[in-house]
Protein backbone atom coordinates (compact mmCIF):
# COMPACT_ATOMS: atom_id res chain seq x y z
CA MET A 1 102.79 70.19 77.81
CA ASP A 2 105.31 72.06 79.34
CA ILE A 3 106.03 69.90 82.62
CA VAL A 4 108.53 71.44 85.13
CA TYR A 5 108.29 68.77 87.83
CA GLN A 6 106.62 65.69 88.67
CA ASP A 7 106.30 62.55 91.10
CA ASN A 8 103.75 60.11 92.35
CA HIS A 9 101.84 63.05 94.03
CA ILE A 10 102.17 66.09 92.24
CA ILE A 11 102.70 67.69 88.76
CA VAL A 12 104.04 71.11 87.88
CA LEU A 13 103.61 72.55 84.66
CA VAL A 14 103.33 75.84 82.64
CA LYS A 15 100.18 76.61 81.31
CA ASP A 16 99.62 78.24 78.06
CA PRO A 17 97.55 81.37 77.52
CA ASN A 18 94.15 81.19 76.71
CA GLN A 19 93.51 77.64 77.38
CA PRO A 20 90.82 77.14 80.02
CA VAL A 21 92.04 75.54 83.39
CA MET A 22 88.73 73.24 83.48
CA GLU A 23 85.96 72.65 80.78
CA ASP A 24 83.86 75.80 79.96
CA SER A 25 80.89 76.73 77.84
CA SER A 26 83.12 77.19 75.09
CA LYS A 27 84.09 73.33 74.87
CA ASP A 28 87.72 74.11 74.01
CA PHE A 29 90.38 71.84 75.25
CA ASP A 30 91.08 72.43 78.99
CA LEU A 31 94.24 71.76 81.18
CA LEU A 32 92.87 69.54 83.71
CA ASN A 33 91.82 67.05 80.70
CA GLN A 34 95.00 67.37 78.96
CA VAL A 35 96.91 66.42 82.34
CA LYS A 36 94.67 63.47 82.91
CA GLY A 37 95.46 62.31 79.38
CA TYR A 38 99.06 62.77 79.45
CA ILE A 39 99.21 60.92 82.96
CA LYS A 40 97.02 58.03 81.53
CA GLU A 41 99.18 57.64 78.64
CA LYS A 42 102.56 58.12 80.43
CA GLU A 43 101.97 55.79 83.29
CA ASN A 44 99.79 53.54 81.64
CA LYS A 45 96.66 53.92 83.89
CA PRO A 46 93.18 52.03 83.21
CA GLY A 47 90.02 53.82 83.53
CA ASN A 48 89.63 57.14 85.10
CA VAL A 49 92.85 59.16 86.10
CA PHE A 50 92.76 60.92 89.47
CA ILE A 51 94.00 64.71 88.64
CA ALA A 52 92.52 67.38 91.20
CA LEU A 53 92.62 71.13 90.69
CA VAL A 54 93.72 72.83 93.62
CA HIS A 55 94.24 76.41 92.47
CA ARG A 56 93.22 78.49 89.09
CA LEU A 57 94.60 80.85 86.62
CA ASP A 58 92.37 83.38 84.57
CA ARG A 59 91.58 81.78 81.35
CA PRO A 60 94.00 84.54 79.23
CA VAL A 61 96.78 84.04 81.79
CA GLY A 62 99.79 81.47 81.54
CA GLY A 63 102.26 80.15 83.83
CA LEU A 64 102.98 77.83 86.47
CA MET A 65 100.34 75.53 88.01
CA VAL A 66 100.59 72.48 90.49
CA PHE A 67 97.74 69.49 90.30
CA ALA A 68 97.50 67.04 92.78
CA LYS A 69 97.87 63.36 91.62
CA THR A 70 96.23 61.70 94.81
CA SER A 71 93.16 62.85 97.33
CA LYS A 72 95.99 63.40 100.07
CA ALA A 73 98.11 65.36 97.98
CA ALA A 74 95.05 67.26 97.09
CA ALA A 75 93.40 67.94 100.42
CA ARG A 76 96.81 68.91 101.99
CA LEU A 77 97.67 71.15 99.05
CA SER A 78 94.18 73.13 98.99
CA ASP A 79 94.70 73.30 103.02
CA SER A 80 98.28 75.24 102.53
CA ILE A 81 96.04 77.77 100.07
CA ARG A 82 93.52 78.14 102.73
CA LYS A 83 95.94 79.18 105.34
CA GLY A 84 98.38 81.29 102.76
CA GLN A 85 101.16 79.22 102.95
CA MET A 86 101.69 78.52 99.29
CA ARG A 87 103.71 81.49 97.53
CA ARG A 88 102.55 82.74 94.47
CA LYS A 89 104.10 85.31 92.30
CA TYR A 90 103.32 86.95 88.71
CA LEU A 91 105.12 89.14 86.09
CA ALA A 92 102.69 92.01 84.80
CA VAL A 93 103.60 94.39 82.25
CA VAL A 94 101.64 97.51 82.89
CA GLU A 95 100.70 100.59 81.03
CA GLY A 96 102.71 103.83 82.30
CA GLN A 97 105.69 104.22 84.07
CA ILE A 98 105.25 103.82 88.10
CA GLU A 99 107.05 106.40 90.26
CA LYS A 100 107.43 104.10 93.24
CA ASP A 101 109.94 101.32 93.19
CA SER A 102 107.27 99.14 95.05
CA MET A 103 103.94 99.38 96.87
CA VAL A 104 101.25 97.30 98.55
CA LEU A 105 97.68 97.84 97.49
CA LYS A 106 94.89 96.83 99.92
CA ASP A 107 91.36 97.22 98.44
CA TYR A 108 88.05 95.83 98.83
CA LEU A 109 86.82 94.13 95.47
CA LEU A 110 83.01 92.76 94.73
CA LYS A 111 82.50 90.39 92.05
CA ASN A 112 79.63 90.95 89.14
CA HIS A 113 78.25 87.57 88.49
CA LYS A 114 76.40 88.40 85.33
CA THR A 115 79.42 90.34 83.59
CA ASN A 116 82.17 88.31 85.25
CA THR A 117 83.97 91.22 86.29
CA SER A 118 84.93 92.85 89.65
CA PHE A 119 85.72 96.26 90.88
CA VAL A 120 87.01 98.09 93.68
CA VAL A 121 84.28 99.46 96.27
CA LYS A 122 84.01 100.52 99.59
CA ALA A 123 84.98 98.29 102.71
CA ASP A 124 81.45 98.39 104.12
CA GLN A 125 79.57 97.07 100.53
CA GLU A 126 77.57 93.95 101.12
CA GLY A 127 79.50 91.30 99.53
CA ALA A 128 82.74 93.12 99.31
CA LYS A 129 85.93 91.18 99.99
CA TYR A 130 89.29 92.05 101.42
CA ALA A 131 91.91 92.13 98.85
CA GLU A 132 95.72 92.83 99.28
CA LEU A 133 98.99 92.48 96.96
CA SER A 134 102.32 94.04 96.65
CA PHE A 135 104.79 94.60 93.64
CA ASP A 136 108.37 95.50 93.13
CA VAL A 137 109.21 97.31 89.77
CA LEU A 138 111.41 95.42 88.26
CA ALA A 139 112.44 97.68 84.78
CA THR A 140 110.51 100.42 82.49
CA LYS A 141 110.58 100.83 78.85
CA LYS A 142 108.35 102.67 76.40
CA ASN A 143 105.93 103.89 78.89
CA LEU A 144 105.46 100.79 80.21
CA SER A 145 106.40 98.95 83.72
CA LEU A 146 107.34 95.24 84.31
CA LEU A 147 106.36 94.47 87.92
CA GLU A 148 106.84 91.10 90.12
CA VAL A 149 103.66 90.83 91.74
CA GLU A 150 102.64 88.88 94.76
CA LEU A 151 99.32 87.74 95.98
CA LYS A 152 98.46 88.08 99.72
CA THR A 153 94.86 87.02 98.83
CA GLY A 154 93.22 85.43 95.87
CA ARG A 155 89.99 87.10 94.97
CA HIS A 156 88.48 87.18 91.23
CA HIS A 157 90.61 88.87 88.60
CA GLN A 158 92.44 90.45 91.62
CA ILE A 159 95.50 91.34 90.00
CA ARG A 160 94.08 92.94 87.00
CA VAL A 161 91.33 95.04 88.95
CA GLN A 162 93.77 96.44 91.69
CA LEU A 163 96.54 97.52 88.99
CA ALA A 164 93.57 98.98 86.62
CA HIS A 165 92.32 101.00 89.81
CA LEU A 166 95.75 102.12 90.76
CA GLY A 167 95.83 103.92 86.88
CA HIS A 168 98.01 101.15 85.43
CA PRO A 169 96.21 98.45 83.81
CA ILE A 170 98.14 95.53 82.42
CA PHE A 171 98.93 95.56 78.46
CA GLY A 172 96.40 93.99 76.75
CA ASP A 173 93.68 93.33 78.94
CA MET A 174 90.51 94.82 77.20
CA LYS A 175 88.58 94.06 80.02
CA TYR A 176 89.77 96.26 82.60
CA GLY A 177 92.20 98.40 80.34
CA LYS A 178 91.70 100.53 77.22
CA GLY A 179 95.23 99.92 75.62
CA PRO A 180 95.98 98.05 72.59
CA LYS A 181 94.31 94.48 72.08
CA GLY A 182 96.18 91.50 72.45
CA ASN A 183 97.20 88.70 74.86
CA ILE A 184 97.08 89.98 78.39
CA ALA A 185 100.70 90.55 79.67
CA LEU A 186 100.22 88.60 83.21
CA PHE A 187 102.33 85.52 83.73
CA ALA A 188 102.24 83.50 86.83
CA SER A 189 106.22 83.34 87.34
CA GLU A 190 106.87 81.56 90.64
CA LEU A 191 105.16 79.03 92.88
CA GLY A 192 106.30 77.72 96.10
CA PHE A 193 104.80 75.48 98.48
CA MET A 194 105.51 72.44 101.06
CA HIS A 195 105.47 68.94 99.31
CA PRO A 196 102.48 67.49 100.35
CA VAL A 197 104.13 64.12 101.32
CA THR A 198 107.73 64.67 102.13
CA ASN A 199 107.12 68.29 103.68
CA LYS A 200 110.09 69.71 101.72
CA TYR A 201 109.89 73.13 100.33
CA MET A 202 109.59 73.54 96.74
CA GLU A 203 110.18 76.73 94.79
CA PHE A 204 109.57 77.02 90.93
CA LYS A 205 110.17 79.95 88.34
CA ARG A 206 109.97 80.54 85.16
CA PHE A 207 110.13 84.06 82.64
CA PRO A 208 107.53 83.99 79.60
CA SER A 209 109.42 83.17 76.61
CA PHE A 210 106.44 84.42 74.20
CA SER A 211 107.65 86.04 71.01
CA TYR A 212 104.70 88.14 71.15
CA MET A 213 104.57 92.08 72.63
CA PRO A 214 105.49 93.39 75.08
CA TRP A 215 107.67 90.56 76.55
CA PRO A 216 110.55 91.06 74.28
CA LEU A 217 110.98 94.41 75.42
CA PHE A 218 112.00 92.93 78.88
CA ARG A 219 114.43 90.36 78.17
């Protein structure tokens, strides 16, 4: 595992693309159990190891995540997420060139549980949830744009849905786009939060080091 930081209360690491965060129907080795196994071996802990999942990333998406190692840390991190105090930024490579340098997207999303997809609907539609994000355009190359995206809300497939609705689906996203099939070019690049015990603000940043397209274009 690519571990960025850890102490007695939390562990911050980089999730690999296409690994499930927790066990799903595929039964592929998930990150939560991987972290538990690592802590059990590293800290020589007997019995079951407590590791709490406080936020998620879609299976195809890689990037920074924080796990709690104690129930107190889990409760406080979860509370900070509910209050919108955890800062989360993503890098996304989208199809097409966006004329504006920055944008704020405000939509209402509805999830289809049968197809595990979400889509933009009118505000008054039953079950619709408000979704907001902002982004800056960092670079454009070969009819692709590199965006830095900041979530204001955390809805199902939010970044993927809102950018596709804008007309700029994420490169490699076969669920919401029509471009070339491949690994989705969405990466959780920045994570900021108050430490659940020390109350010190912590911030972590990473740029994807993947060798597959389109990331090498933007290094």
